[in-house]
Amino acid sequence: MNDRVQLVLASGSPRRLALLNQAGIEPDRLMPADVDETPERGELPRRLALRLAQEKGELVASRCREADMPALVLSADTVVAVGRRVLPKPELQDEAEACLRLLSGRAHRVFTGVCVVSPKGRVRTRLVETRLRFKRLSHDDITSYLACGEWRGKAGGYAIQGIAGSFVVKLTGSYTSVVGLPLAETIALLGGEGYPIRAGWVEKAA
């Protein structure tokens, strides 16, 4: 890959950045993409996650081209669903409480779409599905979790890497995908575009 090409993460999520750093990758720039995340009528959760990831990636790639900045753009979007129902990313406590009560004692799925846009505009995507089950949440579980505030802005009203990790009794699939970025699939996409995915490993070990 040309040295002038930068890796741009189309997200302001500290979780996604931390996951990339965990894999020894440091983006050159962070460029959050604000897109309308409202599901289209009849849109399934898996399609929503993939569509939003691609829209974010293409939006930021367009901005990079306008700035005459060759860039490899990485974007992602995570959707939590119970059946065909997409759960929100709540900003209000009442919304978060409704999510937790719905998830209590039952299975749900987390879909994360990942998109990589090359400097020439080539788009590659992956969709990762993870199945989880929550324990039955008590009134105190829900009340205390709402009070801690870590649910705010999180898909489904919870953050598995935080306190809500103690709610999960079963997980089948990718843990990092539930956090916000499936690392194995992301690394494969970046490597497929010629990004030097192992370049930072020696520095990380040192």
N, C-alpha and C. Protein backbone atom coordinates (compact mmCIF):
# COMPACT_ATOMS: atom_id res chain seq x y z
N MET A 1 0.84 -1.21 0.00
CA MET A 1 0.00 0.00 0.00
C MET A 1 0.87 1.25 0.00
N ASN A 2 0.48 2.22 -0.80
CA ASN A 2 1.21 3.48 -0.88
C ASN A 2 1.29 4.12 0.51
N ASP A 3 2.48 4.65 0.84
CA ASP A 3 2.67 5.24 2.15
C ASP A 3 1.78 6.45 2.38
N ARG A 4 1.32 7.09 1.30
CA ARG A 4 0.49 8.28 1.43
C ARG A 4 -0.95 7.94 1.83
N VAL A 5 -1.33 6.67 1.65
CA VAL A 5 -2.70 6.28 1.97
C VAL A 5 -2.87 6.14 3.47
N GLN A 6 -3.86 6.82 4.01
CA GLN A 6 -4.10 6.79 5.44
C GLN A 6 -5.26 5.85 5.77
N LEU A 7 -5.22 5.30 6.96
CA LEU A 7 -6.34 4.52 7.46
C LEU A 7 -7.23 5.45 8.27
N VAL A 8 -8.47 5.58 7.84
CA VAL A 8 -9.43 6.45 8.51
C VAL A 8 -10.53 5.60 9.14
N LEU A 9 -10.74 5.78 10.42
CA LEU A 9 -11.84 5.10 11.11
C LEU A 9 -13.04 6.04 11.10
N ALA A 10 -14.10 5.61 10.42
CA ALA A 10 -15.29 6.44 10.29
C ALA A 10 -16.19 6.29 11.51
N SER A 11 -15.63 6.60 12.67
CA SER A 11 -16.36 6.43 13.92
C SER A 11 -15.69 7.25 15.01
N GLY A 12 -16.52 7.71 15.95
CA GLY A 12 -15.98 8.39 17.11
C GLY A 12 -16.05 7.50 18.34
N SER A 13 -16.38 6.22 18.13
CA SER A 13 -16.56 5.28 19.23
C SER A 13 -15.23 4.92 19.89
N PRO A 14 -15.07 5.21 21.17
CA PRO A 14 -13.84 4.80 21.85
C PRO A 14 -13.70 3.29 21.92
N ARG A 15 -14.83 2.57 21.87
CA ARG A 15 -14.77 1.11 21.92
C ARG A 15 -14.16 0.55 20.64
N ARG A 16 -14.57 1.08 19.50
CA ARG A 16 -14.02 0.59 18.23
C ARG A 16 -12.54 0.93 18.11
N LEU A 17 -12.17 2.13 18.56
CA LEU A 17 -10.76 2.51 18.52
C LEU A 17 -9.94 1.59 19.42
N ALA A 18 -10.45 1.30 20.61
CA ALA A 18 -9.73 0.43 21.54
C ALA A 18 -9.56 -0.97 20.97
N LEU A 19 -10.57 -1.47 20.27
CA LEU A 19 -10.47 -2.79 19.67
C LEU A 19 -9.40 -2.82 18.58
N LEU A 20 -9.38 -1.78 17.74
CA LEU A 20 -8.33 -1.71 16.72
C LEU A 20 -6.95 -1.65 17.36
N ASN A 21 -6.82 -0.85 18.41
CA ASN A 21 -5.55 -0.75 19.13
C ASN A 21 -5.15 -2.10 19.71
N GLN A 22 -6.13 -2.84 20.19
CA GLN A 22 -5.88 -4.18 20.74
C GLN A 22 -5.24 -5.08 19.68
N ALA A 23 -5.63 -4.89 18.42
CA ALA A 23 -5.09 -5.68 17.32
C ALA A 23 -3.80 -5.08 16.75
N GLY A 24 -3.28 -4.05 17.42
CA GLY A 24 -2.02 -3.46 16.99
C GLY A 24 -2.16 -2.47 15.86
N ILE A 25 -3.37 -1.93 15.68
CA ILE A 25 -3.62 -0.99 14.58
C ILE A 25 -4.01 0.37 15.14
N GLU A 26 -3.36 1.40 14.64
CA GLU A 26 -3.64 2.78 15.05
C GLU A 26 -4.09 3.57 13.82
N PRO A 27 -5.37 3.92 13.74
CA PRO A 27 -5.82 4.71 12.59
C PRO A 27 -5.09 6.05 12.52
N ASP A 28 -4.92 6.54 11.30
CA ASP A 28 -4.30 7.85 11.12
C ASP A 28 -5.26 8.97 11.48
N ARG A 29 -6.55 8.74 11.24
CA ARG A 29 -7.56 9.76 11.53
C ARG A 29 -8.85 9.11 12.02
N LEU A 30 -9.58 9.87 12.82
CA LEU A 30 -10.93 9.50 13.22
C LEU A 30 -11.87 10.51 12.58
N MET A 31 -12.82 10.01 11.79
CA MET A 31 -13.77 10.90 11.13
C MET A 31 -15.18 10.32 11.31
N PRO A 32 -15.83 10.65 12.42
CA PRO A 32 -17.18 10.13 12.66
C PRO A 32 -18.13 10.50 11.53
N ALA A 33 -19.02 9.56 11.21
CA ALA A 33 -20.00 9.78 10.14
C ALA A 33 -21.39 9.79 10.75
N ASP A 34 -22.07 10.91 10.60
CA ASP A 34 -23.44 11.02 11.10
C ASP A 34 -24.41 10.71 9.98
N VAL A 35 -25.09 9.58 10.10
CA VAL A 35 -26.10 9.20 9.12
C VAL A 35 -27.41 8.93 9.85
N ASP A 36 -28.50 9.01 9.13
CA ASP A 36 -29.81 8.70 9.70
C ASP A 36 -29.90 7.18 9.92
N GLU A 37 -30.03 6.78 11.18
CA GLU A 37 -30.03 5.35 11.50
C GLU A 37 -31.43 4.76 11.61
N THR A 38 -32.43 5.50 11.15
CA THR A 38 -33.80 5.01 11.19
C THR A 38 -33.97 3.84 10.22
N PRO A 39 -34.48 2.70 10.68
CA PRO A 39 -34.70 1.57 9.77
C PRO A 39 -35.71 1.93 8.69
N GLU A 40 -35.49 1.41 7.50
CA GLU A 40 -36.47 1.57 6.44
C GLU A 40 -37.66 0.67 6.73
N ARG A 41 -38.78 0.97 6.13
CA ARG A 41 -39.98 0.20 6.39
C ARG A 41 -39.77 -1.27 6.02
N GLY A 42 -39.99 -2.16 7.00
CA GLY A 42 -39.84 -3.59 6.77
C GLY A 42 -38.40 -4.07 6.72
N GLU A 43 -37.44 -3.20 7.02
CA GLU A 43 -36.03 -3.56 6.93
C GLU A 43 -35.63 -4.51 8.06
N LEU A 44 -34.99 -5.61 7.70
CA LEU A 44 -34.55 -6.57 8.69
C LEU A 44 -33.28 -6.06 9.40
N PRO A 45 -33.09 -6.48 10.66
CA PRO A 45 -31.92 -6.00 11.43
C PRO A 45 -30.59 -6.23 10.74
N ARG A 46 -30.42 -7.40 10.11
CA ARG A 46 -29.13 -7.70 9.47
C ARG A 46 -28.86 -6.75 8.30
N ARG A 47 -29.90 -6.44 7.54
CA ARG A 47 -29.73 -5.52 6.41
C ARG A 47 -29.45 -4.11 6.91
N LEU A 48 -30.11 -3.73 8.00
CA LEU A 48 -29.90 -2.40 8.58
C LEU A 48 -28.44 -2.20 8.99
N ALA A 49 -27.88 -3.18 9.69
CA ALA A 49 -26.49 -3.07 10.15
C ALA A 49 -25.53 -2.93 8.98
N LEU A 50 -25.75 -3.72 7.94
CA LEU A 50 -24.85 -3.67 6.79
C LEU A 50 -25.03 -2.37 6.00
N ARG A 51 -26.28 -1.94 5.84
CA ARG A 51 -26.54 -0.71 5.10
C ARG A 51 -25.92 0.50 5.79
N LEU A 52 -26.10 0.60 7.11
CA LEU A 52 -25.57 1.75 7.84
C LEU A 52 -24.04 1.76 7.83
N ALA A 53 -23.43 0.58 7.97
CA ALA A 53 -21.97 0.52 7.92
C ALA A 53 -21.47 1.02 6.57
N GLN A 54 -22.14 0.60 5.48
CA GLN A 54 -21.71 1.02 4.15
C GLN A 54 -21.97 2.50 3.93
N GLU A 55 -23.10 3.01 4.39
CA GLU A 55 -23.39 4.44 4.23
C GLU A 55 -22.34 5.29 4.95
N LYS A 56 -21.97 4.86 6.15
CA LYS A 56 -20.95 5.60 6.91
C LYS A 56 -19.62 5.59 6.17
N GLY A 57 -19.23 4.41 5.69
CA GLY A 57 -17.96 4.30 5.00
C GLY A 57 -17.91 5.13 3.73
N GLU A 58 -18.97 5.07 2.94
CA GLU A 58 -18.99 5.81 1.68
C GLU A 58 -19.06 7.32 1.91
N LEU A 59 -19.75 7.74 2.97
CA LEU A 59 -19.81 9.17 3.29
C LEU A 59 -18.43 9.71 3.62
N VAL A 60 -17.70 9.01 4.48
CA VAL A 60 -16.37 9.47 4.88
C VAL A 60 -15.39 9.35 3.72
N ALA A 61 -15.52 8.29 2.92
CA ALA A 61 -14.64 8.15 1.75
C ALA A 61 -14.85 9.32 0.79
N SER A 62 -16.09 9.76 0.64
CA SER A 62 -16.39 10.91 -0.21
C SER A 62 -15.72 12.18 0.33
N ARG A 63 -15.77 12.35 1.64
CA ARG A 63 -15.13 13.51 2.25
C ARG A 63 -13.62 13.49 2.04
N CYS A 64 -13.04 12.28 2.13
CA CYS A 64 -11.59 12.16 1.92
C CYS A 64 -11.22 12.51 0.48
N ARG A 65 -12.03 12.06 -0.48
CA ARG A 65 -11.76 12.39 -1.88
C ARG A 65 -11.87 13.88 -2.12
N GLU A 66 -12.88 14.51 -1.50
CA GLU A 66 -13.05 15.96 -1.66
C GLU A 66 -11.85 16.72 -1.11
N ALA A 67 -11.23 16.14 -0.06
CA ALA A 67 -10.05 16.78 0.54
C ALA A 67 -8.76 16.34 -0.13
N ASP A 68 -8.89 15.57 -1.24
CA ASP A 68 -7.72 15.06 -1.96
C ASP A 68 -6.79 14.29 -1.02
N MET A 69 -7.39 13.46 -0.19
CA MET A 69 -6.63 12.68 0.78
C MET A 69 -6.87 11.18 0.51
N PRO A 70 -5.91 10.52 -0.14
CA PRO A 70 -6.06 9.08 -0.37
C PRO A 70 -6.23 8.36 0.97
N ALA A 71 -7.29 7.58 1.09
CA ALA A 71 -7.55 6.96 2.39
C ALA A 71 -8.24 5.61 2.22
N LEU A 72 -7.91 4.71 3.13
CA LEU A 72 -8.63 3.45 3.29
C LEU A 72 -9.57 3.68 4.47
N VAL A 73 -10.86 3.61 4.21
CA VAL A 73 -11.86 3.96 5.22
C VAL A 73 -12.48 2.71 5.82
N LEU A 74 -12.52 2.67 7.14
CA LEU A 74 -13.14 1.55 7.87
C LEU A 74 -14.34 2.09 8.64
N SER A 75 -15.48 1.42 8.49
CA SER A 75 -16.69 1.84 9.20
C SER A 75 -17.43 0.61 9.71
N ALA A 76 -18.33 0.82 10.67
CA ALA A 76 -19.09 -0.29 11.23
C ALA A 76 -20.37 0.24 11.86
N ASP A 77 -21.33 -0.66 12.00
CA ASP A 77 -22.56 -0.32 12.72
C ASP A 77 -23.08 -1.58 13.40
N THR A 78 -23.56 -1.41 14.63
CA THR A 78 -24.04 -2.54 15.42
C THR A 78 -25.53 -2.38 15.72
N VAL A 79 -26.27 -3.47 15.51
CA VAL A 79 -27.71 -3.48 15.72
C VAL A 79 -28.05 -4.64 16.65
N VAL A 80 -28.85 -4.34 17.67
CA VAL A 80 -29.35 -5.37 18.59
C VAL A 80 -30.81 -5.63 18.26
N ALA A 81 -31.17 -6.90 18.15
CA ALA A 81 -32.53 -7.23 17.74
C ALA A 81 -33.10 -8.40 18.53
N VAL A 82 -34.39 -8.32 18.77
CA VAL A 82 -35.16 -9.45 19.31
C VAL A 82 -36.14 -9.83 18.21
N GLY A 83 -35.89 -10.96 17.59
CA GLY A 83 -36.66 -11.32 16.42
C GLY A 83 -36.38 -10.32 15.32
N ARG A 84 -37.45 -9.76 14.73
CA ARG A 84 -37.30 -8.75 13.68
C ARG A 84 -37.27 -7.34 14.25
N ARG A 85 -37.42 -7.23 15.55
CA ARG A 85 -37.50 -5.91 16.19
C ARG A 85 -36.12 -5.35 16.49
N VAL A 86 -35.85 -4.17 15.96
CA VAL A 86 -34.58 -3.49 16.22
C VAL A 86 -34.70 -2.66 17.47
N LEU A 87 -33.78 -2.88 18.42
CA LEU A 87 -33.78 -2.09 19.66
C LEU A 87 -33.02 -0.79 19.43
N PRO A 88 -33.43 0.27 20.11
CA PRO A 88 -32.79 1.57 19.91
C PRO A 88 -31.43 1.68 20.59
N LYS A 89 -30.77 2.81 20.35
CA LYS A 89 -29.57 3.20 21.08
C LYS A 89 -30.02 4.32 22.01
N PRO A 90 -30.57 3.95 23.15
CA PRO A 90 -31.31 4.93 23.97
C PRO A 90 -30.46 6.05 24.54
N GLU A 91 -31.08 7.22 24.56
CA GLU A 91 -30.50 8.38 25.24
C GLU A 91 -31.35 8.72 26.47
N LEU A 92 -32.55 8.16 26.52
CA LEU A 92 -33.46 8.40 27.64
C LEU A 92 -33.58 7.14 28.50
N GLN A 93 -33.69 7.34 29.81
CA GLN A 93 -33.72 6.21 30.74
C GLN A 93 -34.92 5.30 30.49
N ASP A 94 -36.06 5.88 30.14
CA ASP A 94 -37.25 5.06 29.90
C ASP A 94 -37.03 4.11 28.73
N GLU A 95 -36.33 4.57 27.70
CA GLU A 95 -36.03 3.71 26.55
C GLU A 95 -35.10 2.57 26.96
N ALA A 96 -34.09 2.91 27.75
CA ALA A 96 -33.14 1.89 28.20
C ALA A 96 -33.84 0.85 29.07
N GLU A 97 -34.72 1.31 29.94
CA GLU A 97 -35.44 0.37 30.80
C GLU A 97 -36.30 -0.58 29.98
N ALA A 98 -36.95 -0.07 28.94
CA ALA A 98 -37.77 -0.92 28.07
C ALA A 98 -36.90 -1.98 27.38
N CYS A 99 -35.70 -1.60 26.96
CA CYS A 99 -34.78 -2.56 26.35
C CYS A 99 -34.40 -3.66 27.33
N LEU A 100 -34.02 -3.27 28.53
CA LEU A 100 -33.58 -4.24 29.52
C LEU A 100 -34.70 -5.21 29.89
N ARG A 101 -35.90 -4.70 30.03
CA ARG A 101 -37.03 -5.57 30.38
C ARG A 101 -37.34 -6.54 29.24
N LEU A 102 -37.15 -6.09 28.01
CA LEU A 102 -37.37 -6.96 26.87
C LEU A 102 -36.30 -8.04 26.78
N LEU A 103 -35.08 -7.69 27.08
CA LEU A 103 -33.96 -8.63 26.99
C LEU A 103 -33.89 -9.59 28.16
N SER A 104 -34.48 -9.24 29.28
CA SER A 104 -34.40 -10.04 30.51
C SER A 104 -34.86 -11.48 30.29
N GLY A 105 -33.95 -12.41 30.56
CA GLY A 105 -34.30 -13.83 30.53
C GLY A 105 -34.51 -14.42 29.16
N ARG A 106 -34.13 -13.70 28.11
CA ARG A 106 -34.40 -14.23 26.77
C ARG A 106 -33.22 -14.05 25.84
N ALA A 107 -33.30 -14.71 24.70
CA ALA A 107 -32.24 -14.64 23.70
C ALA A 107 -32.44 -13.44 22.78
N HIS A 108 -31.34 -12.93 22.27
CA HIS A 108 -31.39 -11.88 21.26
C HIS A 108 -30.16 -12.01 20.36
N ARG A 109 -30.13 -11.22 19.31
CA ARG A 109 -29.03 -11.28 18.36
C ARG A 109 -28.41 -9.89 18.19
N VAL A 110 -27.12 -9.91 17.96
CA VAL A 110 -26.39 -8.67 17.69
C VAL A 110 -25.76 -8.81 16.30
N PHE A 111 -26.06 -7.87 15.44
CA PHE A 111 -25.51 -7.85 14.09
C PHE A 111 -24.56 -6.65 13.97
N THR A 112 -23.34 -6.92 13.51
CA THR A 112 -22.42 -5.82 13.23
C THR A 112 -22.00 -5.89 11.78
N GLY A 113 -22.29 -4.81 11.07
CA GLY A 113 -21.83 -4.69 9.69
C GLY A 113 -20.50 -3.96 9.67
N VAL A 114 -19.57 -4.43 8.85
CA VAL A 114 -18.25 -3.80 8.71
C VAL A 114 -18.04 -3.47 7.24
N CYS A 115 -17.50 -2.31 6.98
CA CYS A 115 -17.28 -1.87 5.61
C CYS A 115 -15.88 -1.26 5.47
N VAL A 116 -15.21 -1.61 4.39
CA VAL A 116 -13.92 -1.01 4.05
C VAL A 116 -14.04 -0.44 2.64
N VAL A 117 -13.70 0.83 2.50
CA VAL A 117 -13.72 1.50 1.20
C VAL A 117 -12.28 1.85 0.82
N SER A 118 -11.84 1.35 -0.32
CA SER A 118 -10.47 1.59 -0.77
C SER A 118 -10.32 3.01 -1.31
N PRO A 119 -9.08 3.47 -1.48
CA PRO A 119 -8.86 4.81 -2.04
C PRO A 119 -9.49 4.99 -3.42
N LYS A 120 -9.67 3.88 -4.15
CA LYS A 120 -10.27 3.95 -5.48
C LYS A 120 -11.79 3.77 -5.44
N GLY A 121 -12.34 3.65 -4.23
CA GLY A 121 -13.78 3.56 -4.10
C GLY A 121 -14.34 2.15 -4.08
N ARG A 122 -13.48 1.14 -4.07
CA ARG A 122 -13.95 -0.23 -3.99
C ARG A 122 -14.52 -0.50 -2.60
N VAL A 123 -15.69 -1.10 -2.54
CA VAL A 123 -16.37 -1.34 -1.27
C VAL A 123 -16.40 -2.83 -0.95
N ARG A 124 -15.95 -3.17 0.24
CA ARG A 124 -16.03 -4.55 0.72
C ARG A 124 -16.77 -4.53 2.06
N THR A 125 -17.65 -5.50 2.26
CA THR A 125 -18.43 -5.55 3.50
C THR A 125 -18.47 -6.95 4.08
N ARG A 126 -18.73 -7.00 5.37
CA ARG A 126 -18.97 -8.27 6.06
C ARG A 126 -20.06 -8.02 7.10
N LEU A 127 -20.83 -9.06 7.37
CA LEU A 127 -21.84 -9.00 8.42
C LEU A 127 -21.59 -10.12 9.40
N VAL A 128 -21.55 -9.79 10.68
CA VAL A 128 -21.30 -10.78 11.72
C VAL A 128 -22.49 -10.85 12.66
N GLU A 129 -22.97 -12.06 12.89
CA GLU A 129 -24.12 -12.28 13.76
C GLU A 129 -23.68 -13.02 15.02
N THR A 130 -24.09 -12.51 16.16
CA THR A 130 -23.78 -13.15 17.45
C THR A 130 -25.08 -13.34 18.22
N ARG A 131 -25.23 -14.51 18.82
CA ARG A 131 -26.43 -14.80 19.60
C ARG A 131 -26.09 -14.76 21.08
N LEU A 132 -26.95 -14.10 21.85
CA LEU A 132 -26.73 -13.99 23.29
C LEU A 132 -28.02 -14.29 24.05
N ARG A 133 -27.84 -14.64 25.31
CA ARG A 133 -28.99 -14.78 26.21
C ARG A 133 -28.65 -14.08 27.52
N PHE A 134 -29.58 -13.27 28.00
CA PHE A 134 -29.45 -12.60 29.29
C PHE A 134 -30.05 -13.48 30.39
N LYS A 135 -29.54 -13.35 31.58
CA LYS A 135 -30.20 -13.94 32.74
C LYS A 135 -31.48 -13.15 32.99
N ARG A 136 -32.33 -13.67 33.83
CA ARG A 136 -33.53 -12.92 34.20
C ARG A 136 -33.10 -11.79 35.14
N LEU A 137 -33.35 -10.57 34.73
CA LEU A 137 -32.90 -9.41 35.49
C LEU A 137 -33.90 -9.06 36.58
N SER A 138 -33.39 -8.85 37.77
CA SER A 138 -34.24 -8.45 38.88
C SER A 138 -34.53 -6.96 38.81
N HIS A 139 -35.46 -6.53 39.61
CA HIS A 139 -35.77 -5.10 39.68
C HIS A 139 -34.52 -4.32 40.09
N ASP A 140 -33.76 -4.85 41.05
CA ASP A 140 -32.55 -4.17 41.50
C ASP A 140 -31.48 -4.13 40.40
N ASP A 141 -31.38 -5.22 39.61
CA ASP A 141 -30.43 -5.24 38.50
C ASP A 141 -30.72 -4.08 37.55
N ILE A 142 -31.97 -3.96 37.17
CA ILE A 142 -32.36 -2.94 36.19
C ILE A 142 -32.20 -1.54 36.76
N THR A 143 -32.68 -1.33 37.98
CA THR A 143 -32.61 -0.01 38.60
C THR A 143 -31.17 0.46 38.77
N SER A 144 -30.33 -0.43 39.25
CA SER A 144 -28.93 -0.07 39.48
C SER A 144 -28.18 0.15 38.17
N TYR A 145 -28.50 -0.66 37.16
CA TYR A 145 -27.83 -0.49 35.88
C TYR A 145 -28.23 0.82 35.22
N LEU A 146 -29.48 1.15 35.32
CA LEU A 146 -29.92 2.43 34.78
C LEU A 146 -29.22 3.60 35.47
N ALA A 147 -29.02 3.46 36.77
CA ALA A 147 -28.38 4.52 37.54
C ALA A 147 -26.91 4.71 37.17
N CYS A 148 -26.26 3.62 36.70
CA CYS A 148 -24.83 3.73 36.39
C CYS A 148 -24.59 4.50 35.09
N GLY A 149 -25.58 4.49 34.19
CA GLY A 149 -25.50 5.32 33.00
C GLY A 149 -24.72 4.76 31.82
N GLU A 150 -24.11 3.57 31.94
CA GLU A 150 -23.29 3.09 30.83
C GLU A 150 -24.12 2.64 29.63
N TRP A 151 -25.42 2.57 29.78
CA TRP A 151 -26.33 2.17 28.70
C TRP A 151 -26.51 3.26 27.65
N ARG A 152 -26.20 4.49 28.02
CA ARG A 152 -26.54 5.62 27.17
C ARG A 152 -25.86 5.54 25.79
N GLY A 153 -26.68 5.57 24.74
CA GLY A 153 -26.16 5.54 23.38
C GLY A 153 -25.69 4.19 22.90
N LYS A 154 -25.89 3.14 23.70
CA LYS A 154 -25.45 1.81 23.31
C LYS A 154 -26.60 1.03 22.67
N ALA A 155 -26.31 0.31 21.62
CA ALA A 155 -27.33 -0.49 20.95
C ALA A 155 -27.95 -1.48 21.93
N GLY A 156 -29.26 -1.46 22.02
CA GLY A 156 -29.96 -2.36 22.93
C GLY A 156 -29.95 -1.90 24.37
N GLY A 157 -29.31 -0.77 24.64
CA GLY A 157 -29.30 -0.23 26.00
C GLY A 157 -28.33 -0.91 26.95
N TYR A 158 -27.27 -1.53 26.40
CA TYR A 158 -26.28 -2.14 27.30
C TYR A 158 -24.91 -2.19 26.64
N ALA A 159 -23.88 -2.28 27.47
CA ALA A 159 -22.49 -2.40 27.01
C ALA A 159 -21.91 -3.68 27.58
N ILE A 160 -21.68 -4.68 26.74
CA ILE A 160 -21.23 -5.98 27.23
C ILE A 160 -19.85 -5.91 27.87
N GLN A 161 -19.02 -4.93 27.45
CA GLN A 161 -17.68 -4.82 28.01
C GLN A 161 -17.68 -4.17 29.39
N GLY A 162 -18.86 -3.76 29.83
CA GLY A 162 -18.98 -3.14 31.14
C GLY A 162 -19.75 -4.01 32.12
N ILE A 163 -20.52 -3.38 32.97
CA ILE A 163 -21.28 -4.09 34.00
C ILE A 163 -22.23 -5.11 33.40
N ALA A 164 -22.81 -4.78 32.24
CA ALA A 164 -23.80 -5.67 31.62
C ALA A 164 -23.20 -7.00 31.18
N GLY A 165 -21.89 -7.11 31.17
CA GLY A 165 -21.27 -8.40 30.89
C GLY A 165 -21.73 -9.46 31.89
N SER A 166 -22.10 -9.01 33.08
CA SER A 166 -22.55 -9.95 34.11
C SER A 166 -23.98 -10.44 33.88
N PHE A 167 -24.66 -9.85 32.89
CA PHE A 167 -26.02 -10.28 32.56
C PHE A 167 -26.03 -11.44 31.56
N VAL A 168 -24.91 -11.64 30.86
CA VAL A 168 -24.87 -12.60 29.75
C VAL A 168 -24.59 -14.01 30.27
N VAL A 169 -25.52 -14.91 30.02
CA VAL A 169 -25.32 -16.31 30.45
C VAL A 169 -24.90 -17.19 29.28
N LYS A 170 -25.07 -16.71 28.06
CA LYS A 170 -24.64 -17.49 26.90
C LYS A 170 -24.33 -16.56 25.74
N LEU A 171 -23.22 -16.84 25.05
CA LEU A 171 -22.83 -16.06 23.87
C LEU A 171 -22.29 -17.02 22.83
N THR A 172 -22.87 -16.98 21.64
CA THR A 172 -22.41 -17.80 20.53
C THR A 172 -22.05 -16.88 19.37
N GLY A 173 -20.76 -16.83 19.05
CA GLY A 173 -20.33 -15.94 17.99
C GLY A 173 -19.15 -15.10 18.42
N SER A 174 -19.14 -13.84 17.99
CA SER A 174 -18.00 -12.95 18.21
C SER A 174 -18.26 -11.96 19.35
N TYR A 175 -17.46 -12.06 20.40
CA TYR A 175 -17.56 -11.11 21.51
C TYR A 175 -17.20 -9.70 21.04
N THR A 176 -16.12 -9.58 20.24
CA THR A 176 -15.70 -8.24 19.82
C THR A 176 -16.75 -7.58 18.92
N SER A 177 -17.52 -8.40 18.21
CA SER A 177 -18.60 -7.85 17.39
C SER A 177 -19.66 -7.20 18.26
N VAL A 178 -19.96 -7.81 19.41
CA VAL A 178 -20.95 -7.25 20.32
C VAL A 178 -20.43 -5.94 20.92
N VAL A 179 -19.13 -5.87 21.17
CA VAL A 179 -18.54 -4.63 21.67
C VAL A 179 -18.63 -3.53 20.60
N GLY A 180 -18.55 -3.93 19.32
CA GLY A 180 -18.70 -2.92 18.27
C GLY A 180 -17.88 -3.11 17.01
N LEU A 181 -16.92 -4.07 17.03
CA LEU A 181 -16.09 -4.27 15.84
C LEU A 181 -15.53 -5.70 15.85
N PRO A 182 -16.04 -6.59 14.99
CA PRO A 182 -15.53 -7.97 14.96
C PRO A 182 -14.10 -7.99 14.42
N LEU A 183 -13.14 -8.29 15.29
CA LEU A 183 -11.74 -8.11 14.91
C LEU A 183 -11.29 -9.05 13.81
N ALA A 184 -11.63 -10.32 13.88
CA ALA A 184 -11.16 -11.26 12.86
C ALA A 184 -11.60 -10.83 11.47
N GLU A 185 -12.87 -10.48 11.35
CA GLU A 185 -13.41 -10.09 10.05
C GLU A 185 -12.85 -8.74 9.59
N THR A 186 -12.67 -7.82 10.53
CA THR A 186 -12.12 -6.51 10.20
C THR A 186 -10.69 -6.63 9.70
N ILE A 187 -9.88 -7.42 10.39
CA ILE A 187 -8.48 -7.61 9.98
C ILE A 187 -8.41 -8.25 8.60
N ALA A 188 -9.32 -9.20 8.35
CA ALA A 188 -9.34 -9.86 7.04
C ALA A 188 -9.66 -8.85 5.93
N LEU A 189 -10.63 -7.97 6.18
CA LEU A 189 -10.98 -6.95 5.18
C LEU A 189 -9.82 -5.99 4.92
N LEU A 190 -9.20 -5.53 5.99
CA LEU A 190 -8.07 -4.60 5.83
C LEU A 190 -6.90 -5.27 5.11
N GLY A 191 -6.61 -6.51 5.52
CA GLY A 191 -5.52 -7.24 4.87
C GLY A 191 -5.80 -7.48 3.39
N GLY A 192 -7.07 -7.70 3.05
CA GLY A 192 -7.45 -7.91 1.66
C GLY A 192 -7.22 -6.68 0.79
N GLU A 193 -7.15 -5.51 1.43
CA GLU A 193 -6.87 -4.27 0.71
C GLU A 193 -5.40 -3.88 0.78
N GLY A 194 -4.58 -4.79 1.30
CA GLY A 194 -3.15 -4.54 1.33
C GLY A 194 -2.66 -3.75 2.53
N TYR A 195 -3.54 -3.52 3.50
CA TYR A 195 -3.11 -2.76 4.68
C TYR A 195 -2.14 -3.62 5.50
N PRO A 196 -1.03 -3.04 5.97
CA PRO A 196 -0.03 -3.81 6.74
C PRO A 196 -0.52 -4.09 8.17
N ILE A 197 -1.37 -5.09 8.29
CA ILE A 197 -2.05 -5.33 9.56
C ILE A 197 -1.10 -5.78 10.68
N ARG A 198 0.07 -6.29 10.33
CA ARG A 198 1.00 -6.77 11.36
C ARG A 198 2.11 -5.78 11.68
N ALA A 199 2.09 -4.64 11.02
CA ALA A 199 3.20 -3.69 11.16
C ALA A 199 3.35 -3.21 12.61
N GLY A 200 2.26 -3.08 13.32
CA GLY A 200 2.33 -2.57 14.68
C GLY A 200 2.53 -3.64 15.75
N TRP A 201 2.58 -4.91 15.34
CA TRP A 201 2.66 -5.96 16.35
C TRP A 201 3.99 -5.94 17.11
N VAL A 202 5.08 -5.68 16.40
CA VAL A 202 6.40 -5.66 17.07
C VAL A 202 6.45 -4.50 18.04
N GLU A 203 5.96 -3.33 17.61
CA GLU A 203 5.95 -2.17 18.49
C GLU A 203 5.09 -2.44 19.72
N LYS A 204 3.96 -3.11 19.51
CA LYS A 204 3.04 -3.41 20.62
C LYS A 204 3.71 -4.34 21.62
N ALA A 205 4.46 -5.33 21.10
CA ALA A 205 5.14 -6.28 21.98
C ALA A 205 6.26 -5.61 22.76
N ALA A 206 6.90 -4.61 22.13
CA ALA A 206 7.99 -3.90 22.80
C ALA A 206 7.46 -3.01 23.91
